[in-house]
Amino acid sequence: MSTTTYDRLVEIVAKLHDIPAERVTPEATFADLDVDSLTLVDISIRIERDLGVTVHDSELRPTLTIAGVAELIDAGQAA
């Protein structure tokens, strides 16, 4: 079974924010998960390193859902 962008993103967020992966749902926002701005920067860096797509930390707004971030990554990979 192949790993989707969403699955890889969940792994990144759960690891960097030190929360169970089960809490990272498609409709959860960074605000829902209590992700602070420094962790958003770390997530942005890890997305670029692990997934090869630049998603600026300014794009990772607290109200953005995890599914929304996965869509940004997929759009960046398609470009």
N, C-alpha and C. Protein backbone atom coordinates (compact mmCIF):
# COMPACT_ATOMS: atom_id res chain seq x y z
N MET A 1 0.85 -1.19 0.00
CA MET A 1 0.00 0.00 0.00
C MET A 1 0.89 1.24 0.00
N SER A 2 0.58 2.17 -0.85
CA SER A 2 1.39 3.38 -0.93
C SER A 2 0.96 4.38 0.13
N THR A 3 1.89 5.19 0.55
CA THR A 3 1.63 6.21 1.55
C THR A 3 1.21 7.49 0.82
N THR A 4 0.10 8.06 1.25
CA THR A 4 -0.40 9.28 0.62
C THR A 4 0.26 10.51 1.23
N THR A 5 0.10 11.61 0.55
CA THR A 5 0.59 12.89 1.07
C THR A 5 -0.02 13.15 2.44
N TYR A 6 -1.31 12.89 2.56
CA TYR A 6 -2.00 13.11 3.84
C TYR A 6 -1.35 12.28 4.94
N ASP A 7 -1.10 10.99 4.68
CA ASP A 7 -0.50 10.11 5.68
C ASP A 7 0.87 10.62 6.12
N ARG A 8 1.66 11.04 5.16
CA ARG A 8 3.00 11.56 5.48
C ARG A 8 2.91 12.85 6.28
N LEU A 9 1.93 13.69 5.94
CA LEU A 9 1.72 14.94 6.67
C LEU A 9 1.31 14.66 8.11
N VAL A 10 0.43 13.69 8.32
CA VAL A 10 0.02 13.31 9.67
C VAL A 10 1.23 12.88 10.48
N GLU A 11 2.10 12.09 9.89
CA GLU A 11 3.32 11.65 10.58
C GLU A 11 4.18 12.85 10.99
N ILE A 12 4.33 13.80 10.07
CA ILE A 12 5.15 14.99 10.35
C ILE A 12 4.56 15.80 11.50
N VAL A 13 3.26 16.09 11.40
CA VAL A 13 2.61 16.93 12.42
C VAL A 13 2.62 16.23 13.78
N ALA A 14 2.29 14.95 13.80
CA ALA A 14 2.25 14.21 15.07
C ALA A 14 3.62 14.17 15.72
N LYS A 15 4.65 13.93 14.92
CA LYS A 15 6.00 13.83 15.48
C LYS A 15 6.49 15.19 15.98
N LEU A 16 6.35 16.23 15.16
CA LEU A 16 6.88 17.54 15.55
C LEU A 16 6.09 18.19 16.68
N HIS A 17 4.79 17.88 16.74
CA HIS A 17 3.95 18.49 17.78
C HIS A 17 3.80 17.56 18.99
N ASP A 18 4.37 16.35 18.89
CA ASP A 18 4.35 15.38 19.98
C ASP A 18 2.94 15.06 20.45
N ILE A 19 2.10 14.68 19.49
CA ILE A 19 0.73 14.27 19.80
C ILE A 19 0.45 12.94 19.10
N PRO A 20 -0.56 12.21 19.57
CA PRO A 20 -0.91 10.96 18.89
C PRO A 20 -1.43 11.25 17.48
N ALA A 21 -1.04 10.42 16.53
CA ALA A 21 -1.47 10.61 15.14
C ALA A 21 -2.98 10.59 15.01
N GLU A 22 -3.67 9.89 15.91
CA GLU A 22 -5.14 9.82 15.85
C GLU A 22 -5.81 11.17 16.04
N ARG A 23 -5.11 12.10 16.69
CA ARG A 23 -5.67 13.46 16.88
C ARG A 23 -5.59 14.29 15.61
N VAL A 24 -4.72 13.90 14.70
CA VAL A 24 -4.51 14.67 13.47
C VAL A 24 -5.47 14.14 12.41
N THR A 25 -6.64 14.76 12.34
CA THR A 25 -7.68 14.34 11.41
C THR A 25 -7.75 15.31 10.23
N PRO A 26 -8.37 14.90 9.13
CA PRO A 26 -8.44 15.79 7.97
C PRO A 26 -9.07 17.15 8.27
N GLU A 27 -10.09 17.17 9.11
CA GLU A 27 -10.79 18.43 9.39
C GLU A 27 -10.18 19.23 10.53
N ALA A 28 -9.19 18.69 11.22
CA ALA A 28 -8.55 19.42 12.31
C ALA A 28 -7.73 20.58 11.76
N THR A 29 -7.81 21.71 12.44
CA THR A 29 -6.98 22.85 12.07
C THR A 29 -5.77 22.88 13.01
N PHE A 30 -4.78 23.67 12.63
CA PHE A 30 -3.63 23.83 13.51
C PHE A 30 -4.06 24.45 14.84
N ALA A 31 -5.05 25.34 14.80
CA ALA A 31 -5.58 25.93 16.04
C ALA A 31 -6.23 24.84 16.91
N ASP A 32 -7.00 23.95 16.29
CA ASP A 32 -7.61 22.85 17.04
C ASP A 32 -6.57 22.00 17.75
N LEU A 33 -5.42 21.83 17.10
CA LEU A 33 -4.35 21.00 17.63
C LEU A 33 -3.40 21.77 18.54
N ASP A 34 -3.67 23.07 18.75
CA ASP A 34 -2.82 23.93 19.57
C ASP A 34 -1.38 23.99 19.08
N VAL A 35 -1.21 24.05 17.76
CA VAL A 35 0.12 24.15 17.16
C VAL A 35 0.54 25.61 17.20
N ASP A 36 1.69 25.88 17.78
CA ASP A 36 2.17 27.26 17.86
C ASP A 36 2.94 27.66 16.60
N SER A 37 3.27 28.93 16.50
CA SER A 37 3.91 29.45 15.29
C SER A 37 5.30 28.85 15.05
N LEU A 38 6.05 28.57 16.10
CA LEU A 38 7.36 27.96 15.93
C LEU A 38 7.24 26.55 15.36
N THR A 39 6.26 25.80 15.83
CA THR A 39 6.04 24.46 15.31
C THR A 39 5.58 24.51 13.85
N LEU A 40 4.81 25.55 13.49
CA LEU A 40 4.41 25.70 12.09
C LEU A 40 5.63 25.89 11.19
N VAL A 41 6.61 26.63 11.67
CA VAL A 41 7.86 26.81 10.91
C VAL A 41 8.55 25.45 10.76
N ASP A 42 8.63 24.70 11.85
CA ASP A 42 9.24 23.37 11.79
C ASP A 42 8.51 22.45 10.82
N ILE A 43 7.18 22.51 10.83
CA ILE A 43 6.39 21.69 9.91
C ILE A 43 6.68 22.09 8.47
N SER A 44 6.76 23.39 8.21
CA SER A 44 7.06 23.88 6.87
C SER A 44 8.41 23.35 6.38
N ILE A 45 9.40 23.40 7.25
CA ILE A 45 10.74 22.93 6.90
C ILE A 45 10.72 21.43 6.63
N ARG A 46 10.02 20.68 7.47
CA ARG A 46 9.96 19.23 7.31
C ARG A 46 9.21 18.83 6.04
N ILE A 47 8.15 19.57 5.69
CA ILE A 47 7.42 19.30 4.45
C ILE A 47 8.37 19.44 3.26
N GLU A 48 9.14 20.53 3.27
CA GLU A 48 10.08 20.74 2.17
C GLU A 48 11.14 19.64 2.12
N ARG A 49 11.68 19.29 3.26
CA ARG A 49 12.73 18.28 3.30
C ARG A 49 12.22 16.89 2.93
N ASP A 50 11.09 16.49 3.51
CA ASP A 50 10.60 15.13 3.33
C ASP A 50 9.75 14.93 2.08
N LEU A 51 9.03 15.98 1.67
CA LEU A 51 8.09 15.84 0.55
C LEU A 51 8.52 16.62 -0.69
N GLY A 52 9.56 17.43 -0.56
CA GLY A 52 10.09 18.13 -1.72
C GLY A 52 9.24 19.28 -2.23
N VAL A 53 8.37 19.80 -1.37
CA VAL A 53 7.49 20.90 -1.76
C VAL A 53 7.67 22.05 -0.78
N THR A 54 7.81 23.25 -1.31
CA THR A 54 7.91 24.42 -0.45
C THR A 54 6.52 24.93 -0.11
N VAL A 55 6.19 24.85 1.17
CA VAL A 55 4.97 25.45 1.70
C VAL A 55 5.45 26.42 2.77
N HIS A 56 5.38 27.69 2.48
CA HIS A 56 5.89 28.69 3.41
C HIS A 56 5.08 28.67 4.69
N ASP A 57 5.77 28.91 5.78
CA ASP A 57 5.08 28.90 7.07
C ASP A 57 3.98 29.96 7.11
N SER A 58 4.07 31.00 6.29
CA SER A 58 3.00 32.00 6.24
C SER A 58 1.72 31.43 5.62
N GLU A 59 1.86 30.36 4.82
CA GLU A 59 0.69 29.70 4.24
C GLU A 59 0.01 28.78 5.25
N LEU A 60 0.73 28.37 6.27
CA LEU A 60 0.21 27.45 7.27
C LEU A 60 -0.49 28.24 8.37
N ARG A 61 -1.64 28.77 8.03
CA ARG A 61 -2.42 29.57 8.97
C ARG A 61 -3.05 28.66 10.04
N PRO A 62 -3.29 29.20 11.24
CA PRO A 62 -3.90 28.40 12.30
C PRO A 62 -5.27 27.82 11.91
N THR A 63 -5.97 28.47 11.00
CA THR A 63 -7.31 28.00 10.61
C THR A 63 -7.28 27.00 9.45
N LEU A 64 -6.11 26.72 8.92
CA LEU A 64 -5.99 25.78 7.81
C LEU A 64 -6.13 24.36 8.32
N THR A 65 -6.93 23.55 7.62
CA THR A 65 -7.10 22.16 8.03
C THR A 65 -5.93 21.31 7.54
N ILE A 66 -5.78 20.16 8.13
CA ILE A 66 -4.73 19.23 7.71
C ILE A 66 -5.00 18.80 6.27
N ALA A 67 -6.25 18.56 5.92
CA ALA A 67 -6.59 18.22 4.53
C ALA A 67 -6.22 19.36 3.59
N GLY A 68 -6.40 20.60 4.03
CA GLY A 68 -6.03 21.76 3.23
C GLY A 68 -4.54 21.83 2.98
N VAL A 69 -3.76 21.48 3.99
CA VAL A 69 -2.30 21.46 3.83
C VAL A 69 -1.91 20.37 2.84
N ALA A 70 -2.53 19.20 2.95
CA ALA A 70 -2.25 18.10 2.02
C ALA A 70 -2.55 18.53 0.59
N GLU A 71 -3.62 19.29 0.39
CA GLU A 71 -3.96 19.80 -0.94
C GLU A 71 -2.89 20.77 -1.45
N LEU A 72 -2.39 21.65 -0.56
CA LEU A 72 -1.30 22.57 -0.96
C LEU A 72 -0.07 21.78 -1.40
N ILE A 73 0.24 20.73 -0.66
CA ILE A 73 1.42 19.91 -1.00
C ILE A 73 1.21 19.23 -2.34
N ASP A 74 0.04 18.62 -2.53
CA ASP A 74 -0.25 17.95 -3.79
C ASP A 74 -0.20 18.92 -4.96
N ALA A 75 -0.70 20.14 -4.77
CA ALA A 75 -0.65 21.15 -5.84
C ALA A 75 0.79 21.53 -6.14
N GLY A 76 1.61 21.62 -5.11
CA GLY A 76 3.02 21.95 -5.30
C GLY A 76 3.77 20.84 -6.01
N GLN A 77 3.40 19.59 -5.75
CA GLN A 77 4.06 18.47 -6.41
C GLN A 77 3.64 18.38 -7.88
N ALA A 78 2.43 18.82 -8.17
CA ALA A 78 1.93 18.76 -9.54
C ALA A 78 2.50 19.87 -10.42
N ALA A 79 2.95 20.95 -9.78
CA ALA A 79 3.45 22.12 -10.52
C ALA A 79 4.79 21.85 -11.16
